[in-house]
Amino acid sequence: MHTDTERCVRAVRSKDSRFDGWFFTAVLTTRIYCRPSCPVVPPKVENMTFYPSAAACQQAGFRACKRCRPDTTPGSPQWNARADAVARAMR
């Protein structure tokens, strides 16, 4: 999946959460990596590179985004902090 650049760019620009976990976007200028659904403004296409895992991004020298928390485990409260806060408020 991470080798199909055009598909990855479309997923990042549309902030499509269906692609979370399939690939990670690393930004060359900031040295930060994110999930495809990250709420930040998408970077320029020439500054994007794609990796298959968070570990591959970290090994390449990138650090995790503090907004989308791509280094957390799917399903954990840190993965979707907003939903966790809403659930606690509803209880």
PDB file of N, CA and C in Angstrom:
ATOM      1  N   MET A   1       0.812  -1.195   0.000  1.00  0.00           N
ATOM      2  CA  MET A   1       0.000   0.000   0.000  1.00  0.00           C
ATOM      3  C   MET A   1       0.855   1.258   0.000  1.00  0.00           C
ATOM      4  N   HIS A   2       1.910   1.291   0.835  1.00  0.00           N
ATOM      5  CA  HIS A   2       2.710   2.507   0.952  1.00  0.00           C
ATOM      6  C   HIS A   2       3.525   2.812  -0.296  1.00  0.00           C
ATOM      7  N   THR A   3       3.578   1.886  -1.252  1.00  0.00           N
ATOM      8  CA  THR A   3       4.327   2.136  -2.481  1.00  0.00           C
ATOM      9  C   THR A   3       3.481   2.823  -3.545  1.00  0.00           C
ATOM     10  N   ASP A   4       2.158   2.860  -3.386  1.00  0.00           N
ATOM     11  CA  ASP A   4       1.265   3.538  -4.330  1.00  0.00           C
ATOM     12  C   ASP A   4       1.138   5.002  -3.891  1.00  0.00           C
ATOM     13  N   THR A   5       2.058   5.828  -4.342  1.00  0.00           N
ATOM     14  CA  THR A   5       2.167   7.210  -3.883  1.00  0.00           C
ATOM     15  C   THR A   5       0.894   8.008  -4.130  1.00  0.00           C
ATOM     16  N   GLU A   6       0.316   7.893  -5.293  1.00  0.00           N
ATOM     17  CA  GLU A   6      -0.883   8.683  -5.618  1.00  0.00           C
ATOM     18  C   GLU A   6      -2.046   8.352  -4.683  1.00  0.00           C
ATOM     19  N   ARG A   7      -2.249   7.084  -4.399  1.00  0.00           N
ATOM     20  CA  ARG A   7      -3.320   6.672  -3.492  1.00  0.00           C
ATOM     21  C   ARG A   7      -3.053   7.184  -2.071  1.00  0.00           C
ATOM     22  N   CYS A   8      -1.810   7.120  -1.640  1.00  0.00           N
ATOM     23  CA  CYS A   8      -1.448   7.613  -0.312  1.00  0.00           C
ATOM     24  C   CYS A   8      -1.669   9.117  -0.201  1.00  0.00           C
ATOM     25  N   VAL A   9      -1.286   9.858  -1.224  1.00  0.00           N
ATOM     26  CA  VAL A   9      -1.468  11.312  -1.217  1.00  0.00           C
ATOM     27  C   VAL A   9      -2.954  11.650  -1.146  1.00  0.00           C
ATOM     28  N   ARG A  10      -3.793  10.957  -1.911  1.00  0.00           N
ATOM     29  CA  ARG A  10      -5.236  11.203  -1.866  1.00  0.00           C
ATOM     30  C   ARG A  10      -5.795  10.917  -0.479  1.00  0.00           C
ATOM     31  N   ALA A  11      -5.336   9.844   0.158  1.00  0.00           N
ATOM     32  CA  ALA A  11      -5.816   9.494   1.504  1.00  0.00           C
ATOM     33  C   ALA A  11      -5.414  10.556   2.523  1.00  0.00           C
ATOM     34  N   VAL A  12      -4.196  11.077   2.411  1.00  0.00           N
ATOM     35  CA  VAL A  12      -3.725  12.103   3.347  1.00  0.00           C
ATOM     36  C   VAL A  12      -4.489  13.405   3.136  1.00  0.00           C
ATOM     37  N   ARG A  13      -4.689  13.795   1.906  1.00  0.00           N
ATOM     38  CA  ARG A  13      -5.397  15.043   1.624  1.00  0.00           C
ATOM     39  C   ARG A  13      -6.854  14.989   2.075  1.00  0.00           C
ATOM     40  N   SER A  14      -7.487  13.821   1.980  1.00  0.00           N
ATOM     41  CA  SER A  14      -8.882  13.692   2.399  1.00  0.00           C
ATOM     42  C   SER A  14      -9.021  13.304   3.869  1.00  0.00           C
ATOM     43  N   LYS A  15      -7.879  13.081   4.548  1.00  0.00           N
ATOM     44  CA  LYS A  15      -7.861  12.685   5.967  1.00  0.00           C
ATOM     45  C   LYS A  15      -8.711  11.437   6.205  1.00  0.00           C
ATOM     46  N   ASP A  16      -8.529  10.456   5.342  1.00  0.00           N
ATOM     47  CA  ASP A  16      -9.333   9.233   5.354  1.00  0.00           C
ATOM     48  C   ASP A  16      -8.848   8.274   6.445  1.00  0.00           C
ATOM     49  N   SER A  17      -9.659   8.092   7.479  1.00  0.00           N
ATOM     50  CA  SER A  17      -9.265   7.247   8.613  1.00  0.00           C
ATOM     51  C   SER A  17      -9.274   5.763   8.267  1.00  0.00           C
ATOM     52  N   ARG A  18      -9.858   5.392   7.132  1.00  0.00           N
ATOM     53  CA  ARG A  18      -9.839   3.977   6.724  1.00  0.00           C
ATOM     54  C   ARG A  18      -8.425   3.486   6.437  1.00  0.00           C
ATOM     55  N   PHE A  19      -7.509   4.392   6.163  1.00  0.00           N
ATOM     56  CA  PHE A  19      -6.136   4.014   5.843  1.00  0.00           C
ATOM     57  C   PHE A  19      -5.208   4.018   7.054  1.00  0.00           C
ATOM     58  N   ASP A  20      -5.738   4.382   8.223  1.00  0.00           N
ATOM     59  CA  ASP A  20      -4.913   4.363   9.439  1.00  0.00           C
ATOM     60  C   ASP A  20      -4.404   2.951   9.687  1.00  0.00           C
ATOM     61  N   GLY A  21      -3.101   2.849   9.872  1.00  0.00           N
ATOM     62  CA  GLY A  21      -2.481   1.546  10.094  1.00  0.00           C
ATOM     63  C   GLY A  21      -1.961   0.897   8.826  1.00  0.00           C
ATOM     64  N   TRP A  22      -2.444   1.323   7.667  1.00  0.00           N
ATOM     65  CA  TRP A  22      -1.968   0.755   6.397  1.00  0.00           C
ATOM     66  C   TRP A  22      -0.645   1.374   5.979  1.00  0.00           C
ATOM     67  N   PHE A  23      -0.483   2.668   6.278  1.00  0.00           N
ATOM     68  CA  PHE A  23       0.777   3.359   5.980  1.00  0.00           C
ATOM     69  C   PHE A  23       0.879   4.579   6.876  1.00  0.00           C
ATOM     70  N   PHE A  24       2.059   5.170   6.919  1.00  0.00           N
ATOM     71  CA  PHE A  24       2.310   6.375   7.704  1.00  0.00           C
ATOM     72  C   PHE A  24       2.988   7.389   6.801  1.00  0.00           C
ATOM     73  N   THR A  25       2.640   8.650   6.982  1.00  0.00           N
ATOM     74  CA  THR A  25       3.196   9.728   6.180  1.00  0.00           C
ATOM     75  C   THR A  25       4.301  10.415   6.961  1.00  0.00           C
ATOM     76  N   ALA A  26       5.484  10.488   6.390  1.00  0.00           N
ATOM     77  CA  ALA A  26       6.602  11.195   7.000  1.00  0.00           C
ATOM     78  C   ALA A  26       6.853  12.469   6.190  1.00  0.00           C
ATOM     79  N   VAL A  27       7.064  13.566   6.910  1.00  0.00           N
ATOM     80  CA  VAL A  27       7.287  14.859   6.265  1.00  0.00           C
ATOM     81  C   VAL A  27       8.776  15.183   6.348  1.00  0.00           C
ATOM     82  N   LEU A  28       9.391  15.325   5.206  1.00  0.00           N
ATOM     83  CA  LEU A  28      10.835  15.515   5.134  1.00  0.00           C
ATOM     84  C   LEU A  28      11.301  16.825   5.761  1.00  0.00           C
ATOM     85  N   THR A  29      10.508  17.889   5.657  1.00  0.00           N
ATOM     86  CA  THR A  29      10.939  19.195   6.160  1.00  0.00           C
ATOM     87  C   THR A  29      10.861  19.293   7.678  1.00  0.00           C
ATOM     88  N   THR A  30       9.871  18.671   8.294  1.00  0.00           N
ATOM     89  CA  THR A  30       9.699  18.767   9.745  1.00  0.00           C
ATOM     90  C   THR A  30      10.245  17.553  10.485  1.00  0.00           C
ATOM     91  N   ARG A  31      10.506  16.460   9.759  1.00  0.00           N
ATOM     92  CA  ARG A  31      10.981  15.192  10.338  1.00  0.00           C
ATOM     93  C   ARG A  31       9.954  14.600  11.302  1.00  0.00           C
ATOM     94  N   ILE A  32       8.662  14.795  11.000  1.00  0.00           N
ATOM     95  CA  ILE A  32       7.558  14.263  11.797  1.00  0.00           C
ATOM     96  C   ILE A  32       6.781  13.282  10.938  1.00  0.00           C
ATOM     97  N   TYR A  33       6.250  12.216  11.568  1.00  0.00           N
ATOM     98  CA  TYR A  33       5.386  11.297  10.830  1.00  0.00           C
ATOM     99  C   TYR A  33       4.006  11.249  11.458  1.00  0.00           C
ATOM    100  N   CYS A  34       2.984  11.012  10.608  1.00  0.00           N
ATOM    101  CA  CYS A  34       1.586  11.064  11.020  1.00  0.00           C
ATOM    102  C   CYS A  34       0.794   9.890  10.453  1.00  0.00           C
ATOM    103  N   ARG A  35      -0.414   9.727  10.993  1.00  0.00           N
ATOM    104  CA  ARG A  35      -1.397   8.807  10.404  1.00  0.00           C
ATOM    105  C   ARG A  35      -2.044   9.530   9.228  1.00  0.00           C
ATOM    106  N   PRO A  36      -2.659   8.808   8.297  1.00  0.00           N
ATOM    107  CA  PRO A  36      -3.340   9.473   7.175  1.00  0.00           C
ATOM    108  C   PRO A  36      -4.477  10.394   7.606  1.00  0.00           C
ATOM    109  N   SER A  37      -5.105  10.123   8.746  1.00  0.00           N
ATOM    110  CA  SER A  37      -6.243  10.932   9.190  1.00  0.00           C
ATOM    111  C   SER A  37      -5.847  12.084  10.095  1.00  0.00           C
ATOM    112  N   CYS A  38      -4.601  12.428  10.174  1.00  0.00           N
ATOM    113  CA  CYS A  38      -4.131  13.499  11.058  1.00  0.00           C
ATOM    114  C   CYS A  38      -4.843  14.817  10.716  1.00  0.00           C
ATOM    115  N   PRO A  39      -5.300  15.564  11.741  1.00  0.00           N
ATOM    116  CA  PRO A  39      -6.056  16.799  11.482  1.00  0.00           C
ATOM    117  C   PRO A  39      -5.216  18.008  11.046  1.00  0.00           C
ATOM    118  N   VAL A  40      -3.908  17.876  10.965  1.00  0.00           N
ATOM    119  CA  VAL A  40      -3.074  19.008  10.560  1.00  0.00           C
ATOM    120  C   VAL A  40      -3.242  19.290   9.069  1.00  0.00           C
ATOM    121  N   VAL A  41      -2.774  20.461   8.657  1.00  0.00           N
ATOM    122  CA  VAL A  41      -2.794  20.813   7.235  1.00  0.00           C
ATOM    123  C   VAL A  41      -1.845  19.870   6.497  1.00  0.00           C
ATOM    124  N   PRO A  42      -2.310  19.229   5.424  1.00  0.00           N
ATOM    125  CA  PRO A  42      -1.440  18.285   4.709  1.00  0.00           C
ATOM    126  C   PRO A  42      -0.202  18.984   4.132  1.00  0.00           C
ATOM    127  N   PRO A  43       0.946  18.313   4.186  1.00  0.00           N
ATOM    128  CA  PRO A  43       2.167  18.910   3.624  1.00  0.00           C
ATOM    129  C   PRO A  43       2.153  18.878   2.099  1.00  0.00           C
ATOM    130  N   LYS A  44       3.107  19.563   1.520  1.00  0.00           N
ATOM    131  CA  LYS A  44       3.262  19.520   0.064  1.00  0.00           C
ATOM    132  C   LYS A  44       3.648  18.106  -0.350  1.00  0.00           C
ATOM    133  N   VAL A  45       3.217  17.714  -1.523  1.00  0.00           N
ATOM    134  CA  VAL A  45       3.462  16.356  -2.021  1.00  0.00           C
ATOM    135  C   VAL A  45       4.954  16.061  -2.102  1.00  0.00           C
ATOM    136  N   GLU A  46       5.752  17.032  -2.500  1.00  0.00           N
ATOM    137  CA  GLU A  46       7.188  16.788  -2.647  1.00  0.00           C
ATOM    138  C   GLU A  46       7.890  16.588  -1.300  1.00  0.00           C
ATOM    139  N   ASN A  47       7.225  16.963  -0.204  1.00  0.00           N
ATOM    140  CA  ASN A  47       7.799  16.775   1.128  1.00  0.00           C
ATOM    141  C   ASN A  47       7.327  15.500   1.818  1.00  0.00           C
ATOM    142  N   MET A  48       6.417  14.761   1.181  1.00  0.00           N
ATOM    143  CA  MET A  48       5.875  13.538   1.770  1.00  0.00           C
ATOM    144  C   MET A  48       6.656  12.315   1.338  1.00  0.00           C
ATOM    145  N   THR A  49       6.808  11.389   2.268  1.00  0.00           N
ATOM    146  CA  THR A  49       7.303  10.058   1.959  1.00  0.00           C
ATOM    147  C   THR A  49       6.492   9.094   2.812  1.00  0.00           C
ATOM    148  N   PHE A  50       6.340   7.864   2.356  1.00  0.00           N
ATOM    149  CA  PHE A  50       5.435   6.930   3.010  1.00  0.00           C
ATOM    150  C   PHE A  50       6.175   5.692   3.492  1.00  0.00           C
ATOM    151  N   TYR A  51       5.771   5.235   4.670  1.00  0.00           N
ATOM    152  CA  TYR A  51       6.380   4.056   5.293  1.00  0.00           C
ATOM    153  C   TYR A  51       5.289   3.076   5.701  1.00  0.00           C
ATOM    154  N   PRO A  52       5.619   1.791   5.788  1.00  0.00           N
ATOM    155  CA  PRO A  52       4.609   0.780   6.135  1.00  0.00           C
ATOM    156  C   PRO A  52       4.273   0.715   7.621  1.00  0.00           C
ATOM    157  N   SER A  53       5.138   1.248   8.476  1.00  0.00           N
ATOM    158  CA  SER A  53       4.890   1.146   9.919  1.00  0.00           C
ATOM    159  C   SER A  53       5.494   2.340  10.654  1.00  0.00           C
ATOM    160  N   ALA A  54       5.024   2.523  11.891  1.00  0.00           N
ATOM    161  CA  ALA A  54       5.572   3.587  12.736  1.00  0.00           C
ATOM    162  C   ALA A  54       7.027   3.287  13.083  1.00  0.00           C
ATOM    163  N   ALA A  55       7.330   2.005  13.257  1.00  0.00           N
ATOM    164  CA  ALA A  55       8.709   1.620  13.572  1.00  0.00           C
ATOM    165  C   ALA A  55       9.655   1.973  12.429  1.00  0.00           C
ATOM    166  N   ALA A  56       9.197   1.804  11.191  1.00  0.00           N
ATOM    167  CA  ALA A  56      10.031   2.157  10.035  1.00  0.00           C
ATOM    168  C   ALA A  56      10.277   3.658   9.989  1.00  0.00           C
ATOM    169  N   CYS A  57       9.275   4.449  10.351  1.00  0.00           N
ATOM    170  CA  CYS A  57       9.447   5.905  10.395  1.00  0.00           C
ATOM    171  C   CYS A  57      10.467   6.295  11.453  1.00  0.00           C
ATOM    172  N   GLN A  58      10.345   5.693  12.630  1.00  0.00           N
ATOM    173  CA  GLN A  58      11.276   6.013  13.707  1.00  0.00           C
ATOM    174  C   GLN A  58      12.695   5.585  13.364  1.00  0.00           C
ATOM    175  N   GLN A  59      12.816   4.449  12.704  1.00  0.00           N
ATOM    176  CA  GLN A  59      14.142   3.969  12.307  1.00  0.00           C
ATOM    177  C   GLN A  59      14.777   4.902  11.278  1.00  0.00           C
ATOM    178  N   ALA A  60      13.933   5.554  10.465  1.00  0.00           N
ATOM    179  CA  ALA A  60      14.435   6.500   9.463  1.00  0.00           C
ATOM    180  C   ALA A  60      14.736   7.873  10.063  1.00  0.00           C
ATOM    181  N   GLY A  61      14.465   8.049  11.364  1.00  0.00           N
ATOM    182  CA  GLY A  61      14.818   9.294  12.025  1.00  0.00           C
ATOM    183  C   GLY A  61      13.691  10.288  12.201  1.00  0.00           C
ATOM    184  N   PHE A  62      12.447   9.864  11.982  1.00  0.00           N
ATOM    185  CA  PHE A  62      11.305  10.748  12.159  1.00  0.00           C
ATOM    186  C   PHE A  62      10.750  10.597  13.571  1.00  0.00           C
ATOM    187  N   ARG A  63      10.065  11.649  14.072  1.00  0.00           N
ATOM    188  CA  ARG A  63       9.436  11.565  15.389  1.00  0.00           C
ATOM    189  C   ARG A  63       7.921  11.624  15.216  1.00  0.00           C
ATOM    190  N   ALA A  64       7.206  11.090  16.184  1.00  0.00           N
ATOM    191  CA  ALA A  64       5.748  10.974  16.106  1.00  0.00           C
ATOM    192  C   ALA A  64       5.065  12.332  16.265  1.00  0.00           C
ATOM    193  N   CYS A  65       3.991  12.518  15.530  1.00  0.00           N
ATOM    194  CA  CYS A  65       3.153  13.712  15.632  1.00  0.00           C
ATOM    195  C   CYS A  65       2.466  13.717  16.995  1.00  0.00           C
ATOM    196  N   LYS A  66       2.373  14.885  17.609  1.00  0.00           N
ATOM    197  CA  LYS A  66       1.744  14.979  18.921  1.00  0.00           C
ATOM    198  C   LYS A  66       0.224  15.152  18.833  1.00  0.00           C
ATOM    199  N   ARG A  67      -0.290  15.359  17.620  1.00  0.00           N
ATOM    200  CA  ARG A  67      -1.746  15.506  17.474  1.00  0.00           C
ATOM    201  C   ARG A  67      -2.419  14.184  17.178  1.00  0.00           C
ATOM    202  N   CYS A  68      -1.890  13.407  16.242  1.00  0.00           N
ATOM    203  CA  CYS A  68      -2.563  12.157  15.863  1.00  0.00           C
ATOM    204  C   CYS A  68      -1.991  10.934  16.556  1.00  0.00           C
ATOM    205  N   ARG A  69      -0.863  11.070  17.241  1.00  0.00           N
ATOM    206  CA  ARG A  69      -0.262   9.985  18.025  1.00  0.00           C
ATOM    207  C   ARG A  69      -0.128   8.674  17.236  1.00  0.00           C
ATOM    208  N   PRO A  70       0.632   8.682  16.132  1.00  0.00           N
ATOM    209  CA  PRO A  70       0.741   7.479  15.305  1.00  0.00           C
ATOM    210  C   PRO A  70       1.519   6.336  15.950  1.00  0.00           C
ATOM    211  N   ASP A  71       2.209   6.606  17.047  1.00  0.00           N
ATOM    212  CA  ASP A  71       3.012   5.573  17.694  1.00  0.00           C
ATOM    213  C   ASP A  71       2.220   4.788  18.734  1.00  0.00           C
ATOM    214  N   THR A  72       0.936   5.108  18.926  1.00  0.00           N
ATOM    215  CA  THR A  72       0.119   4.391  19.896  1.00  0.00           C
ATOM    216  C   THR A  72      -0.544   3.183  19.258  1.00  0.00           C
ATOM    217  N   THR A  73      -1.028   2.290  20.095  1.00  0.00           N
ATOM    218  CA  THR A  73      -1.661   1.057  19.630  1.00  0.00           C
ATOM    219  C   THR A  73      -3.115   1.319  19.241  1.00  0.00           C
ATOM    220  N   PRO A  74      -3.572   0.806  18.084  1.00  0.00           N
ATOM    221  CA  PRO A  74      -4.981   0.979  17.704  1.00  0.00           C
ATOM    222  C   PRO A  74      -5.905   0.388  18.763  1.00  0.00           C
ATOM    223  N   GLY A  75      -6.946   1.140  19.101  1.00  0.00           N
ATOM    224  CA  GLY A  75      -7.905   0.688  20.091  1.00  0.00           C
ATOM    225  C   GLY A  75      -7.605   1.162  21.503  1.00  0.00           C
ATOM    226  N   SER A  76      -6.403   1.669  21.736  1.00  0.00           N
ATOM    227  CA  SER A  76      -6.058   2.163  23.070  1.00  0.00           C
ATOM    228  C   SER A  76      -6.647   3.563  23.255  1.00  0.00           C
ATOM    229  N   PRO A  77      -6.812   4.014  24.503  1.00  0.00           N
ATOM    230  CA  PRO A  77      -7.351   5.368  24.715  1.00  0.00           C
ATOM    231  C   PRO A  77      -6.496   6.461  24.072  1.00  0.00           C
ATOM    232  N   GLN A  78      -5.186   6.248  23.976  1.00  0.00           N
ATOM    233  CA  GLN A  78      -4.316   7.254  23.358  1.00  0.00           C
ATOM    234  C   GLN A  78      -4.517   7.326  21.843  1.00  0.00           C
ATOM    235  N   TRP A  79      -4.991   6.226  21.208  1.00  0.00           N
ATOM    236  CA  TRP A  79      -5.177   6.178  19.753  1.00  0.00           C
ATOM    237  C   TRP A  79      -6.247   7.180  19.324  1.00  0.00           C
ATOM    238  N   ASN A  80      -7.348   7.224  20.066  1.00  0.00           N
ATOM    239  CA  ASN A  80      -8.419   8.154  19.758  1.00  0.00           C
ATOM    240  C   ASN A  80      -8.782   8.903  21.043  1.00  0.00           C
ATOM    241  N   ALA A  81      -7.967   9.854  21.411  1.00  0.00           N
ATOM    242  CA  ALA A  81      -8.120  10.576  22.674  1.00  0.00           C
ATOM    243  C   ALA A  81      -9.432  11.340  22.732  1.00  0.00           C
ATOM    244  N   ARG A  82      -9.883  11.880  21.627  1.00  0.00           N
ATOM    245  CA  ARG A  82     -11.134  12.638  21.607  1.00  0.00           C
ATOM    246  C   ARG A  82     -12.319  11.740  21.935  1.00  0.00           C
ATOM    247  N   ALA A  83     -12.388  10.557  21.331  1.00  0.00           N
ATOM    248  CA  ALA A  83     -13.481   9.622  21.622  1.00  0.00           C
ATOM    249  C   ALA A  83     -13.417   9.143  23.061  1.00  0.00           C
ATOM    250  N   ASP A  84     -12.225   8.958  23.592  1.00  0.00           N
ATOM    251  CA  ASP A  84     -12.089   8.525  24.977  1.00  0.00           C
ATOM    252  C   ASP A  84     -12.584   9.599  25.937  1.00  0.00           C
ATOM    253  N   ALA A  85     -12.275  10.851  25.662  1.00  0.00           N
ATOM    254  CA  ALA A  85     -12.726  11.962  26.514  1.00  0.00           C
ATOM    255  C   ALA A  85     -14.246  12.095  26.464  1.00  0.00           C
ATOM    256  N   VAL A  86     -14.818  11.933  25.290  1.00  0.00           N
ATOM    257  CA  VAL A  86     -16.278  12.018  25.146  1.00  0.00           C
ATOM    258  C   VAL A  86     -16.947  10.879  25.901  1.00  0.00           C
ATOM    259  N   ALA A  87     -16.400   9.678  25.802  1.00  0.00           N
ATOM    260  CA  ALA A  87     -16.968   8.528  26.505  1.00  0.00           C
ATOM    261  C   ALA A  87     -16.922   8.726  28.023  1.00  0.00           C
ATOM    262  N   ARG A  88     -15.820   9.261  28.516  1.00  0.00           N
ATOM    263  CA  ARG A  88     -15.725   9.533  29.950  1.00  0.00           C
ATOM    264  C   ARG A  88     -16.723  10.595  30.386  1.00  0.00           C
ATOM    265  N   ALA A  89     -16.914  11.617  29.576  1.00  0.00           N
ATOM    266  CA  ALA A  89     -17.869  12.684  29.892  1.00  0.00           C
ATOM    267  C   ALA A  89     -19.304  12.159  29.883  1.00  0.00           C
ATOM    268  N   MET A  90     -19.600  11.260  28.971  1.00  0.00           N
ATOM    269  CA  MET A  90     -20.960  10.700  28.889  1.00  0.00           C
ATOM    270  C   MET A  90     -21.262   9.808  30.101  1.00  0.00           C
ATOM    271  N   ARG A  91     -20.235   9.096  30.586  1.00  0.00           N
ATOM    272  CA  ARG A  91     -20.437   8.239  31.769  1.00  0.00           C
ATOM    273  C   ARG A  91     -20.674   9.095  32.968  1.00  0.00           C
TER     274      ARG A  91
END
